[in-house]
N, C-alpha and C. Protein backbone atom coordinates (compact mmCIF):
# COMPACT_ATOMS: atom_id res chain seq x y z
N UNK A 1 10.40 108.52 151.64
CA UNK A 1 11.27 109.16 150.67
C UNK A 1 10.95 110.65 150.58
N UNK A 2 11.81 111.46 151.14
CA UNK A 2 11.61 112.91 151.10
C UNK A 2 11.93 113.45 149.72
N UNK A 3 11.11 114.37 149.23
CA UNK A 3 11.37 115.02 147.93
C UNK A 3 11.94 116.42 148.11
N UNK A 4 11.90 116.91 149.35
CA UNK A 4 12.48 118.22 149.65
C UNK A 4 12.87 118.26 151.12
N UNK A 5 13.69 119.24 151.45
CA UNK A 5 14.07 119.42 152.85
C UNK A 5 12.85 120.01 153.55
N UNK A 6 12.34 119.37 154.59
CA UNK A 6 11.14 119.88 155.27
C UNK A 6 11.34 121.31 155.76
N UNK A 7 10.40 122.22 155.46
CA UNK A 7 10.53 123.63 155.86
C UNK A 7 10.76 123.84 157.36
N UNK A 8 10.21 122.95 158.18
CA UNK A 8 10.36 123.09 159.63
C UNK A 8 11.84 122.97 160.05
N UNK A 9 12.65 122.30 159.25
CA UNK A 9 14.09 122.15 159.56
C UNK A 9 14.76 123.51 159.64
N UNK A 10 14.34 124.43 158.79
CA UNK A 10 14.98 125.75 158.72
C UNK A 10 14.72 126.60 159.95
N UNK A 11 13.78 126.17 160.80
CA UNK A 11 13.49 126.89 162.05
C UNK A 11 14.39 126.42 163.19
N UNK A 12 15.16 125.37 162.95
CA UNK A 12 16.07 124.82 163.97
C UNK A 12 17.36 125.64 163.95
N UNK A 13 17.34 126.78 164.59
CA UNK A 13 18.44 127.74 164.54
C UNK A 13 19.78 127.20 165.03
N UNK A 14 19.77 126.22 165.90
CA UNK A 14 21.01 125.68 166.45
C UNK A 14 21.46 124.38 165.80
N UNK A 15 20.81 124.02 164.72
CA UNK A 15 21.14 122.77 164.03
C UNK A 15 22.57 122.81 163.52
N UNK A 16 23.36 121.80 163.88
CA UNK A 16 24.77 121.71 163.45
C UNK A 16 24.99 120.65 162.39
N UNK A 17 24.17 119.61 162.40
CA UNK A 17 24.33 118.54 161.43
C UNK A 17 23.00 118.22 160.78
N UNK A 18 22.99 118.20 159.45
CA UNK A 18 21.79 117.85 158.69
C UNK A 18 22.19 116.75 157.71
N UNK A 19 21.62 115.58 157.94
CA UNK A 19 21.92 114.42 157.10
C UNK A 19 20.61 113.91 156.53
N UNK A 20 20.44 114.09 155.25
CA UNK A 20 19.26 113.56 154.54
C UNK A 20 19.79 112.85 153.31
N UNK A 21 20.17 111.59 153.50
CA UNK A 21 20.75 110.80 152.41
C UNK A 21 19.73 109.78 151.90
N UNK A 22 19.99 109.27 150.70
CA UNK A 22 19.17 108.21 150.12
C UNK A 22 17.69 108.58 150.05
N UNK A 23 17.42 109.77 149.55
CA UNK A 23 16.05 110.23 149.38
C UNK A 23 15.86 110.74 147.96
N UNK A 24 14.88 111.60 147.77
CA UNK A 24 14.56 112.13 146.44
C UNK A 24 14.64 113.66 146.42
N UNK A 25 15.40 114.24 147.35
CA UNK A 25 15.52 115.71 147.43
C UNK A 25 16.11 116.21 146.11
N UNK A 26 15.47 117.25 145.53
CA UNK A 26 15.89 117.72 144.21
C UNK A 26 16.59 119.08 144.24
N UNK A 27 16.46 119.82 145.33
CA UNK A 27 17.13 121.12 145.36
C UNK A 27 17.47 121.55 146.78
N UNK A 28 18.49 122.42 146.84
CA UNK A 28 18.84 123.10 148.08
C UNK A 28 18.45 124.55 147.84
N UNK A 29 17.38 124.98 148.48
CA UNK A 29 16.82 126.32 148.24
C UNK A 29 17.49 127.41 149.07
N UNK A 30 17.03 128.63 148.86
CA UNK A 30 17.56 129.81 149.56
C UNK A 30 17.48 129.69 151.08
N UNK A 31 16.48 128.94 151.56
CA UNK A 31 16.24 128.83 153.00
C UNK A 31 17.43 128.22 153.75
N UNK A 32 18.29 127.53 153.05
CA UNK A 32 19.43 126.87 153.70
C UNK A 32 20.28 127.89 154.47
N UNK A 33 20.28 129.13 154.02
CA UNK A 33 21.09 130.16 154.68
C UNK A 33 20.60 130.49 156.09
N UNK A 34 19.40 130.03 156.45
CA UNK A 34 18.88 130.26 157.80
C UNK A 34 19.58 129.39 158.85
N UNK A 35 20.26 128.36 158.38
CA UNK A 35 20.93 127.44 159.30
C UNK A 35 22.35 127.93 159.57
N UNK A 36 22.44 128.95 160.38
CA UNK A 36 23.70 129.67 160.63
C UNK A 36 24.72 128.88 161.43
N UNK A 37 24.30 127.82 162.14
CA UNK A 37 25.22 127.02 162.96
C UNK A 37 25.61 125.71 162.28
N UNK A 38 25.14 125.50 161.06
CA UNK A 38 25.34 124.23 160.37
C UNK A 38 26.82 123.95 160.12
N UNK A 39 27.27 122.77 160.55
CA UNK A 39 28.67 122.37 160.35
C UNK A 39 28.78 121.23 159.34
N UNK A 40 27.79 120.35 159.33
CA UNK A 40 27.81 119.21 158.43
C UNK A 40 26.51 119.17 157.63
N UNK A 41 26.65 119.13 156.32
CA UNK A 41 25.49 118.98 155.44
C UNK A 41 25.77 117.79 154.53
N UNK A 42 25.02 116.72 154.73
CA UNK A 42 25.18 115.52 153.92
C UNK A 42 23.86 115.24 153.20
N UNK A 43 23.87 115.48 151.90
CA UNK A 43 22.70 115.22 151.06
C UNK A 43 23.07 114.23 149.96
N UNK A 44 23.94 113.31 150.27
CA UNK A 44 24.38 112.33 149.28
C UNK A 44 23.23 111.42 148.87
N UNK A 45 23.33 110.95 147.63
CA UNK A 45 22.39 109.99 147.07
C UNK A 45 20.94 110.49 147.10
N UNK A 46 20.75 111.63 146.49
CA UNK A 46 19.43 112.20 146.28
C UNK A 46 19.28 112.47 144.79
N UNK A 47 18.46 113.43 144.44
CA UNK A 47 18.26 113.82 143.03
C UNK A 47 18.49 115.32 142.85
N UNK A 48 19.44 115.86 143.60
CA UNK A 48 19.68 117.30 143.60
C UNK A 48 20.23 117.75 142.24
N UNK A 49 19.61 118.79 141.71
CA UNK A 49 20.12 119.39 140.47
C UNK A 49 20.24 120.90 140.61
N UNK A 50 19.70 121.46 141.69
CA UNK A 50 19.80 122.91 141.94
C UNK A 50 20.33 123.12 143.36
N UNK A 51 21.37 123.97 143.45
CA UNK A 51 21.88 124.39 144.76
C UNK A 51 21.90 125.91 144.76
N UNK A 52 21.16 126.49 145.68
CA UNK A 52 21.12 127.94 145.78
C UNK A 52 22.49 128.50 146.18
N UNK A 53 22.84 129.66 145.63
CA UNK A 53 24.06 130.35 146.04
C UNK A 53 24.00 130.75 147.50
N UNK A 54 22.80 130.74 148.09
CA UNK A 54 22.65 131.07 149.52
C UNK A 54 23.38 130.08 150.42
N UNK A 55 23.70 128.91 149.88
CA UNK A 55 24.47 127.94 150.66
C UNK A 55 25.79 128.55 151.12
N UNK A 56 26.31 129.47 150.33
CA UNK A 56 27.60 130.10 150.67
C UNK A 56 27.51 130.99 151.91
N UNK A 57 26.30 131.22 152.42
CA UNK A 57 26.13 131.98 153.65
C UNK A 57 26.17 131.09 154.90
N UNK A 58 26.30 129.80 154.71
CA UNK A 58 26.43 128.86 155.83
C UNK A 58 27.92 128.78 156.19
N UNK A 59 28.43 129.85 156.72
CA UNK A 59 29.88 130.02 156.87
C UNK A 59 30.52 129.14 157.94
N UNK A 60 29.71 128.44 158.76
CA UNK A 60 30.27 127.54 159.77
C UNK A 60 30.41 126.12 159.22
N UNK A 61 29.98 125.90 157.99
CA UNK A 61 29.99 124.57 157.39
C UNK A 61 31.42 124.04 157.25
N UNK A 62 31.67 122.86 157.81
CA UNK A 62 32.98 122.23 157.70
C UNK A 62 32.96 121.03 156.75
N UNK A 63 31.80 120.40 156.59
CA UNK A 63 31.67 119.23 155.70
C UNK A 63 30.46 119.39 154.80
N UNK A 64 30.71 119.28 153.50
CA UNK A 64 29.64 119.34 152.51
C UNK A 64 29.74 118.09 151.64
N UNK A 65 28.75 117.20 151.77
CA UNK A 65 28.74 115.94 151.03
C UNK A 65 27.55 115.90 150.09
N UNK A 66 27.85 115.87 148.80
CA UNK A 66 26.80 115.92 147.77
C UNK A 66 26.90 114.76 146.78
N UNK A 67 27.67 113.75 147.12
CA UNK A 67 27.91 112.65 146.19
C UNK A 67 26.64 111.93 145.77
N UNK A 68 26.73 111.29 144.62
CA UNK A 68 25.64 110.49 144.07
C UNK A 68 24.37 111.30 143.80
N UNK A 69 24.53 112.53 143.43
CA UNK A 69 23.42 113.34 142.91
C UNK A 69 23.68 113.47 141.42
N UNK A 70 23.24 112.49 140.68
CA UNK A 70 23.63 112.31 139.28
C UNK A 70 23.11 113.38 138.33
N UNK A 71 22.25 114.26 138.79
CA UNK A 71 21.77 115.36 137.94
C UNK A 71 22.46 116.68 138.26
N UNK A 72 23.32 116.68 139.25
CA UNK A 72 24.00 117.91 139.69
C UNK A 72 25.16 118.23 138.74
N UNK A 73 25.04 119.36 138.03
CA UNK A 73 26.07 119.69 137.02
C UNK A 73 26.91 120.91 137.39
N UNK A 74 26.60 121.57 138.50
CA UNK A 74 27.38 122.74 138.91
C UNK A 74 27.36 122.87 140.43
N UNK A 75 28.34 123.58 140.93
CA UNK A 75 28.40 123.94 142.35
C UNK A 75 28.20 125.44 142.46
N UNK A 76 27.74 125.94 143.60
CA UNK A 76 27.54 127.39 143.74
C UNK A 76 28.83 128.17 143.46
N UNK A 77 28.71 129.27 142.74
CA UNK A 77 29.89 130.04 142.35
C UNK A 77 30.62 130.63 143.55
N UNK A 78 29.91 130.91 144.62
CA UNK A 78 30.52 131.52 145.80
C UNK A 78 30.84 130.51 146.89
N UNK A 79 31.12 129.29 146.51
CA UNK A 79 31.46 128.25 147.47
C UNK A 79 32.65 128.65 148.34
N UNK A 80 33.50 129.51 147.82
CA UNK A 80 34.67 129.98 148.55
C UNK A 80 34.35 130.77 149.81
N UNK A 81 33.10 131.20 149.96
CA UNK A 81 32.70 131.89 151.19
C UNK A 81 32.65 130.93 152.38
N UNK A 82 32.68 129.64 152.10
CA UNK A 82 32.66 128.63 153.17
C UNK A 82 34.08 128.45 153.69
N UNK A 83 34.54 129.44 154.41
CA UNK A 83 35.94 129.51 154.86
C UNK A 83 36.31 128.42 155.86
N UNK A 84 35.32 127.83 156.54
CA UNK A 84 35.59 126.78 157.53
C UNK A 84 35.58 125.39 156.90
N UNK A 85 35.29 125.29 155.62
CA UNK A 85 35.13 124.00 154.95
C UNK A 85 36.40 123.15 155.01
N UNK A 86 36.27 121.92 155.54
CA UNK A 86 37.36 120.95 155.61
C UNK A 86 37.21 119.85 154.58
N UNK A 87 35.96 119.43 154.35
CA UNK A 87 35.67 118.32 153.45
C UNK A 87 34.64 118.75 152.42
N UNK A 88 35.00 118.58 151.15
CA UNK A 88 34.09 118.84 150.04
C UNK A 88 34.04 117.57 149.21
N UNK A 89 32.86 116.96 149.14
CA UNK A 89 32.71 115.69 148.45
C UNK A 89 31.52 115.76 147.50
N UNK A 90 31.80 115.51 146.22
CA UNK A 90 30.71 115.49 145.23
C UNK A 90 31.00 114.45 144.15
N UNK A 91 31.37 113.27 144.58
CA UNK A 91 31.62 112.18 143.64
C UNK A 91 30.33 111.68 143.01
N UNK A 92 30.46 111.18 141.80
CA UNK A 92 29.33 110.62 141.04
C UNK A 92 28.22 111.62 140.81
N UNK A 93 28.60 112.81 140.39
CA UNK A 93 27.64 113.81 139.94
C UNK A 93 27.94 114.08 138.46
N UNK A 94 27.55 115.22 137.96
CA UNK A 94 27.85 115.59 136.57
C UNK A 94 28.57 116.93 136.51
N UNK A 95 29.33 117.25 137.53
CA UNK A 95 30.02 118.54 137.61
C UNK A 95 31.01 118.66 136.46
N UNK A 96 30.93 119.76 135.73
CA UNK A 96 31.81 119.98 134.58
C UNK A 96 32.94 120.95 134.88
N UNK A 97 32.76 121.77 135.91
CA UNK A 97 33.76 122.80 136.22
C UNK A 97 33.72 123.12 137.71
N UNK A 98 34.90 123.32 138.28
CA UNK A 98 34.97 123.72 139.69
C UNK A 98 34.91 125.24 139.79
N UNK A 99 34.12 125.76 140.73
CA UNK A 99 34.09 127.22 140.89
C UNK A 99 35.46 127.73 141.35
N UNK A 100 35.92 128.79 140.73
CA UNK A 100 37.22 129.38 141.05
C UNK A 100 37.31 129.77 142.53
N UNK A 101 36.17 130.10 143.12
CA UNK A 101 36.16 130.56 144.51
C UNK A 101 36.64 129.49 145.50
N UNK A 102 36.69 128.23 145.09
CA UNK A 102 37.20 127.17 145.99
C UNK A 102 38.61 127.52 146.46
N UNK A 103 39.32 128.30 145.68
CA UNK A 103 40.68 128.72 146.05
C UNK A 103 40.71 129.42 147.39
N UNK A 104 39.55 129.95 147.84
CA UNK A 104 39.48 130.67 149.12
C UNK A 104 39.15 129.76 150.30
N UNK A 105 38.92 128.48 150.05
CA UNK A 105 38.63 127.53 151.13
C UNK A 105 39.94 127.03 151.72
N UNK A 106 40.62 127.90 152.42
CA UNK A 106 42.00 127.65 152.85
C UNK A 106 42.13 126.55 153.91
N UNK A 107 41.04 126.14 154.53
CA UNK A 107 41.09 125.06 155.53
C UNK A 107 40.73 123.70 154.95
N UNK A 108 40.48 123.65 153.64
CA UNK A 108 40.07 122.41 152.98
C UNK A 108 41.16 121.34 153.12
N UNK A 109 40.75 120.17 153.63
CA UNK A 109 41.68 119.05 153.81
C UNK A 109 41.41 117.91 152.83
N UNK A 110 40.13 117.74 152.47
CA UNK A 110 39.75 116.64 151.58
C UNK A 110 38.86 117.15 150.47
N UNK A 111 39.21 116.79 149.24
CA UNK A 111 38.44 117.17 148.05
C UNK A 111 38.19 115.91 147.23
N UNK A 112 36.94 115.49 147.19
CA UNK A 112 36.56 114.28 146.46
C UNK A 112 35.66 114.68 145.29
N UNK A 113 36.21 114.60 144.09
CA UNK A 113 35.50 115.00 142.88
C UNK A 113 35.54 113.89 141.84
N UNK A 114 35.54 112.66 142.32
CA UNK A 114 35.63 111.53 141.41
C UNK A 114 34.32 111.31 140.64
N UNK A 115 34.43 110.69 139.48
CA UNK A 115 33.28 110.32 138.66
C UNK A 115 32.37 111.50 138.33
N UNK A 116 32.96 112.52 137.75
CA UNK A 116 32.21 113.67 137.26
C UNK A 116 32.54 113.86 135.79
N UNK A 117 32.37 115.07 135.29
CA UNK A 117 32.67 115.36 133.89
C UNK A 117 33.66 116.51 133.77
N UNK A 118 34.58 116.58 134.72
CA UNK A 118 35.60 117.62 134.73
C UNK A 118 36.59 117.40 133.59
N UNK A 119 36.94 118.48 132.91
CA UNK A 119 37.89 118.39 131.78
C UNK A 119 39.23 119.05 132.09
N UNK A 120 39.19 120.14 132.84
CA UNK A 120 40.41 120.85 133.23
C UNK A 120 40.26 121.30 134.67
N UNK A 121 41.35 121.31 135.39
CA UNK A 121 41.36 121.84 136.75
C UNK A 121 42.24 123.08 136.71
N UNK A 122 41.59 124.23 136.56
CA UNK A 122 42.30 125.50 136.42
C UNK A 122 42.46 126.24 137.74
N UNK A 123 42.04 125.61 138.83
CA UNK A 123 42.19 126.25 140.14
C UNK A 123 43.67 126.42 140.46
N UNK A 124 43.96 127.49 141.16
CA UNK A 124 45.29 127.61 141.74
C UNK A 124 45.19 127.02 143.14
N UNK A 125 46.00 126.05 143.42
CA UNK A 125 45.96 125.35 144.71
C UNK A 125 46.90 125.97 145.73
N UNK A 126 47.60 127.05 145.36
CA UNK A 126 48.65 127.59 146.24
C UNK A 126 48.13 128.00 147.61
N UNK A 127 46.86 128.42 147.73
CA UNK A 127 46.30 128.80 149.03
C UNK A 127 45.66 127.63 149.77
N UNK A 128 45.64 126.46 149.13
CA UNK A 128 45.00 125.29 149.72
C UNK A 128 46.04 124.35 150.33
N UNK A 129 46.93 124.92 151.07
CA UNK A 129 48.06 124.19 151.65
C UNK A 129 47.69 123.18 152.71
N UNK A 130 46.42 123.14 153.16
CA UNK A 130 45.99 122.17 154.16
C UNK A 130 45.48 120.88 153.53
N UNK A 131 45.38 120.85 152.20
CA UNK A 131 44.86 119.66 151.52
C UNK A 131 45.72 118.43 151.82
N UNK A 132 45.04 117.34 152.18
CA UNK A 132 45.71 116.08 152.48
C UNK A 132 45.29 114.96 151.53
N UNK A 133 44.05 115.03 151.06
CA UNK A 133 43.52 113.97 150.21
C UNK A 133 42.73 114.58 149.06
N UNK A 134 43.07 114.18 147.82
CA UNK A 134 42.41 114.72 146.63
C UNK A 134 42.10 113.57 145.68
N UNK A 135 40.85 113.51 145.23
CA UNK A 135 40.48 112.51 144.23
C UNK A 135 39.78 113.19 143.06
N UNK A 136 40.41 113.10 141.90
CA UNK A 136 39.80 113.52 140.63
C UNK A 136 39.61 112.30 139.74
N UNK A 137 39.55 111.14 140.35
CA UNK A 137 39.48 109.88 139.64
C UNK A 137 38.25 109.82 138.73
N UNK A 138 38.41 109.23 137.58
CA UNK A 138 37.36 108.95 136.61
C UNK A 138 36.60 110.20 136.16
N UNK A 139 37.34 111.12 135.57
CA UNK A 139 36.78 112.29 134.91
C UNK A 139 37.30 112.28 133.47
N UNK A 140 37.40 113.43 132.86
CA UNK A 140 37.95 113.54 131.50
C UNK A 140 39.06 114.59 131.49
N UNK A 141 39.77 114.68 132.58
CA UNK A 141 40.74 115.75 132.79
C UNK A 141 41.95 115.60 131.89
N UNK A 142 42.26 116.69 131.19
CA UNK A 142 43.45 116.73 130.34
C UNK A 142 44.56 117.57 130.97
N UNK A 143 44.18 118.44 131.92
CA UNK A 143 45.16 119.34 132.53
C UNK A 143 44.77 119.68 133.95
N UNK A 144 45.77 119.66 134.83
CA UNK A 144 45.60 120.08 136.23
C UNK A 144 46.66 121.14 136.50
N UNK A 145 46.25 122.23 137.11
CA UNK A 145 47.20 123.29 137.44
C UNK A 145 48.35 122.70 138.25
N UNK A 146 49.57 123.05 137.88
CA UNK A 146 50.76 122.46 138.51
C UNK A 146 50.88 122.79 139.99
N UNK A 147 50.16 123.81 140.46
CA UNK A 147 50.24 124.17 141.88
C UNK A 147 49.75 123.04 142.79
N UNK A 148 48.88 122.16 142.27
CA UNK A 148 48.42 121.01 143.06
C UNK A 148 49.60 120.12 143.46
N UNK A 149 50.55 119.99 142.57
CA UNK A 149 51.67 119.08 142.77
C UNK A 149 52.79 119.68 143.62
N UNK A 150 52.51 120.84 144.21
CA UNK A 150 53.49 121.48 145.09
C UNK A 150 53.02 121.51 146.54
N UNK A 151 51.85 120.93 146.80
CA UNK A 151 51.29 120.99 148.15
C UNK A 151 51.98 119.97 149.05
N UNK A 152 52.52 120.44 150.16
CA UNK A 152 53.37 119.58 151.00
C UNK A 152 52.64 118.57 151.87
N UNK A 153 51.34 118.77 152.15
CA UNK A 153 50.65 117.89 153.09
C UNK A 153 49.85 116.77 152.44
N UNK A 154 49.78 116.75 151.13
CA UNK A 154 48.97 115.73 150.46
C UNK A 154 49.58 114.35 150.68
N UNK A 155 48.75 113.44 151.22
CA UNK A 155 49.17 112.06 151.41
C UNK A 155 48.54 111.14 150.37
N UNK A 156 47.37 111.55 149.85
CA UNK A 156 46.68 110.73 148.86
C UNK A 156 46.24 111.60 147.68
N UNK A 157 46.64 111.17 146.47
CA UNK A 157 46.26 111.87 145.25
C UNK A 157 45.86 110.84 144.20
N UNK A 158 44.61 110.91 143.79
CA UNK A 158 44.09 109.97 142.80
C UNK A 158 43.63 110.75 141.57
N UNK A 159 44.36 110.59 140.48
CA UNK A 159 44.00 111.21 139.20
C UNK A 159 43.82 110.12 138.14
N UNK A 160 43.50 108.92 138.58
CA UNK A 160 43.35 107.79 137.67
C UNK A 160 42.14 107.97 136.76
N UNK A 161 42.16 107.25 135.65
CA UNK A 161 41.07 107.22 134.69
C UNK A 161 40.68 108.61 134.19
N UNK A 162 41.69 109.31 133.68
CA UNK A 162 41.50 110.62 133.06
C UNK A 162 42.20 110.64 131.71
N UNK A 163 42.48 111.83 131.22
CA UNK A 163 43.11 111.97 129.91
C UNK A 163 44.45 112.72 130.01
N UNK A 164 45.09 112.65 131.16
CA UNK A 164 46.35 113.35 131.37
C UNK A 164 47.45 112.75 130.49
N UNK A 165 48.28 113.62 129.92
CA UNK A 165 49.39 113.15 129.09
C UNK A 165 50.74 113.41 129.75
N UNK A 166 50.78 114.35 130.70
CA UNK A 166 52.02 114.67 131.39
C UNK A 166 51.76 114.98 132.86
N UNK A 167 52.82 114.93 133.63
CA UNK A 167 52.80 115.36 135.02
C UNK A 167 53.92 116.38 135.19
N UNK A 168 53.72 117.39 136.02
CA UNK A 168 54.78 118.40 136.20
C UNK A 168 55.93 117.86 137.05
N UNK A 169 57.11 118.45 136.85
CA UNK A 169 58.29 118.07 137.63
C UNK A 169 58.08 118.34 139.12
N UNK A 170 57.20 119.30 139.43
CA UNK A 170 56.99 119.68 140.84
C UNK A 170 56.43 118.54 141.68
N UNK A 171 55.98 117.45 141.04
CA UNK A 171 55.47 116.32 141.82
C UNK A 171 56.51 115.80 142.81
N UNK A 172 57.76 116.01 142.50
CA UNK A 172 58.84 115.58 143.39
C UNK A 172 58.87 116.32 144.71
N UNK A 173 58.16 117.43 144.81
CA UNK A 173 58.15 118.18 146.07
C UNK A 173 57.02 117.74 147.01
N UNK A 174 56.27 116.73 146.61
CA UNK A 174 55.17 116.23 147.44
C UNK A 174 55.72 115.20 148.43
N UNK A 175 56.40 115.67 149.44
CA UNK A 175 57.13 114.82 150.38
C UNK A 175 56.23 113.95 151.27
N UNK A 176 54.96 114.32 151.45
CA UNK A 176 54.07 113.54 152.30
C UNK A 176 53.28 112.49 151.53
N UNK A 177 53.38 112.49 150.22
CA UNK A 177 52.58 111.61 149.37
C UNK A 177 52.83 110.14 149.69
N UNK A 178 51.75 109.42 150.02
CA UNK A 178 51.82 108.00 150.35
C UNK A 178 51.12 107.18 149.26
N UNK A 179 50.01 107.68 148.76
CA UNK A 179 49.22 106.98 147.74
C UNK A 179 49.06 107.90 146.52
N UNK A 180 49.53 107.43 145.37
CA UNK A 180 49.44 108.21 144.14
C UNK A 180 48.95 107.29 143.03
N UNK A 181 47.77 107.57 142.48
CA UNK A 181 47.18 106.70 141.46
C UNK A 181 47.04 107.47 140.15
N UNK A 182 47.73 106.98 139.10
CA UNK A 182 47.64 107.60 137.77
C UNK A 182 47.19 106.57 136.73
N UNK A 183 46.61 105.48 137.19
CA UNK A 183 46.14 104.39 136.35
C UNK A 183 45.20 104.92 135.26
N UNK A 184 45.29 104.36 134.07
CA UNK A 184 44.44 104.68 132.93
C UNK A 184 44.43 106.16 132.57
N UNK A 185 45.60 106.68 132.26
CA UNK A 185 45.75 108.00 131.68
C UNK A 185 46.52 107.81 130.37
N UNK A 186 46.93 108.89 129.78
CA UNK A 186 47.70 108.81 128.53
C UNK A 186 49.14 109.25 128.74
N UNK A 187 49.61 109.05 129.95
CA UNK A 187 50.97 109.44 130.32
C UNK A 187 51.95 108.39 129.79
N UNK A 188 52.89 108.87 129.00
CA UNK A 188 53.89 107.95 128.44
C UNK A 188 55.21 108.01 129.20
N UNK A 189 55.46 109.15 129.84
CA UNK A 189 56.72 109.34 130.54
C UNK A 189 56.48 110.05 131.86
N UNK A 190 57.07 109.56 132.92
CA UNK A 190 56.98 110.25 134.20
C UNK A 190 58.10 111.29 134.26
N UNK A 191 57.88 112.37 135.00
CA UNK A 191 58.92 113.39 135.12
C UNK A 191 60.21 112.80 135.66
N UNK A 192 61.30 113.13 135.04
CA UNK A 192 62.60 112.62 135.47
C UNK A 192 63.44 113.78 135.94
N UNK A 193 63.83 113.71 137.21
CA UNK A 193 64.63 114.82 137.75
C UNK A 193 65.68 114.29 138.68
């Protein structure tokens, strides 16, 4: 059971994938920025509660998986510097707010933020036109920016088990939507157009 990322890992200059799951790692330190070729970082099911902003210097990162880190309450503010990011997954953490900079992750295809403590999604999704799958399931969300419901490539959208009371009319423009889950919300009426 590792309690930290071994320092020798940071000397592996050509490392593209780092998977340290089901351990006791508690932080992602500044040294992570030394892994300039890193494409996949999977630290799911650890005890991470600190993530250095230096992670945003891993600009080749395409997949960031942080799920099941139940003490993790925030994401780095400059996450948007990860311009190559395709998959961002942090289900079953304690995230309360998404960093606004995610709006700059224009290649993002999958966003998994289920089972957190999110209350509002104030991101503008207009630049995230590559998104295909989004899960905000089981949070405390009362409001999601309507720009999410205008994205043409989304095939799966799960906003179940939240506190939503309405959905925008723009949901009708989601022509690729195949799976839409709004179970256990406070929605009394669906948009009629």
